[in-house]
Protein backbone atom coordinates (compact mmCIF):
# COMPACT_ATOMS: atom_id res chain seq x y z
CA MET A 1 -10.86 -0.09 -3.29
CA GLU A 2 -8.52 2.37 -1.63
CA ALA A 3 -7.81 5.98 -2.49
CA ASP A 4 -5.37 8.62 -1.35
CA PRO A 5 -7.27 11.28 0.65
CA ALA A 6 -5.56 13.96 -1.46
CA GLY A 7 -6.80 12.26 -4.64
CA SER A 8 -3.39 11.51 -6.10
CA TRP A 9 -3.91 7.74 -6.53
CA LEU A 10 -6.49 4.94 -6.53
CA VAL A 11 -6.09 1.17 -6.04
CA VAL A 12 -8.72 -1.38 -7.04
CA ARG A 13 -8.10 -4.89 -5.70
CA ARG A 14 -9.41 -8.25 -6.85
CA GLY A 15 -7.77 -11.08 -4.95
CA ALA A 16 -4.02 -10.79 -5.44
CA VAL A 17 -4.30 -8.38 -8.38
CA HIS A 18 -4.13 -4.62 -7.78
CA VAL A 19 -4.90 -2.01 -10.45
CA VAL A 20 -3.03 1.14 -9.41
CA LEU A 21 -4.00 4.45 -11.01
CA ASN A 22 -2.20 7.78 -10.81
CA PRO A 23 -4.48 10.35 -12.50
CA GLY A 24 -2.32 13.32 -11.52
CA ASP A 25 0.51 14.97 -13.41
CA ALA A 26 3.17 14.29 -10.75
CA PRO A 27 4.69 10.89 -9.90
CA ALA A 28 2.99 9.05 -7.02
CA THR A 29 4.26 6.38 -4.63
CA VAL A 30 1.40 4.05 -3.71
CA PRO A 31 1.36 1.41 -0.96
CA VAL A 32 0.84 -2.15 -2.22
CA PRO A 33 1.68 -5.53 -0.71
CA GLY A 34 5.21 -6.31 -1.77
CA PRO A 35 7.46 -7.31 -3.26
CA GLY A 36 5.00 -8.73 -5.83
CA GLU A 37 5.40 -8.15 -9.55
CA VAL A 38 4.21 -5.70 -12.18
CA LEU A 39 2.03 -7.57 -14.68
CA ALA A 40 1.38 -4.59 -16.97
CA ALA A 41 2.07 -0.85 -16.96
CA TRP A 42 1.16 1.97 -19.31
CA GLU A 43 4.31 3.82 -18.30
CA PRO A 44 7.35 2.37 -16.46
CA ALA A 45 6.44 1.53 -12.86
CA GLU A 46 9.02 1.09 -10.11
CA LEU A 47 8.07 -1.65 -7.63
CA SER A 48 9.77 -2.01 -4.26
CA ALA A 49 8.85 -3.78 -1.04
CA GLY A 50 5.51 -2.27 -0.08
CA THR A 51 5.17 0.45 -2.75
CA VAL A 52 4.87 1.06 -6.47
CA THR A 53 5.91 4.41 -7.94
CA LEU A 54 4.05 5.55 -11.03
CA PRO A 55 4.71 8.54 -13.25
CA GLY A 56 1.86 10.99 -13.74
CA ARG A 57 -1.21 9.88 -15.71
CA SER A 58 -0.37 6.20 -15.63
CA VAL A 59 -1.70 2.82 -14.56
CA ALA A 60 -0.02 -0.40 -13.40
CA VAL A 61 -1.40 -3.86 -12.71
CA VAL A 62 0.45 -5.45 -9.79
CA ARG A 63 0.20 -8.99 -8.42
CA ALA A 64 0.74 -9.28 -4.68
CA PRO A 65 2.96 -12.08 -3.38
CA ARG A 66 1.25 -15.12 -1.90
CA GLY A 67 0.13 -14.78 1.70
CA SER A 68 0.14 -10.97 1.64
CA LEU A 69 -3.59 -10.32 1.25
CA ALA A 70 -4.46 -10.06 4.95
CA GLY A 71 -4.70 -6.51 6.15
CA HIS A 72 -4.85 -5.04 2.66
CA GLY A 73 -8.59 -4.92 2.08
CA SER A 74 -8.86 -8.27 0.30
CA THR A 75 -9.99 -11.63 1.52
CA PRO A 76 -9.24 -14.81 -0.42
CA ALA A 77 -12.42 -16.59 -1.50
CA ALA A 78 -11.35 -19.75 0.35
CA ALA A 79 -11.49 -17.84 3.64
CA HIS A 80 -15.27 -17.29 3.38
CA THR A 81 -17.08 -19.77 5.59
CA ASP A 82 -20.68 -18.52 5.41
CA PRO A 83 -22.42 -20.53 2.65
CA ALA A 84 -25.01 -17.74 2.27
CA THR A 85 -22.37 -15.35 0.85
């Protein structure tokens, strides 16, 4: 999970899927691995390389492109090598 320090957005990640929330009234541009694709949005979401822009009080579900998970807070399950986890 990642949040804007000012509280204007929140991203919850599960593998390649990112749920992006903008709880504020103003539009927010949120960093996501890109280009990817918008799978669902409650209001129109504008996706560009490395960001998604959401209007106020909206949510988008974004799928990251393959191979873009490293460095974005997610680790593919196949990368785990410790059998105890």
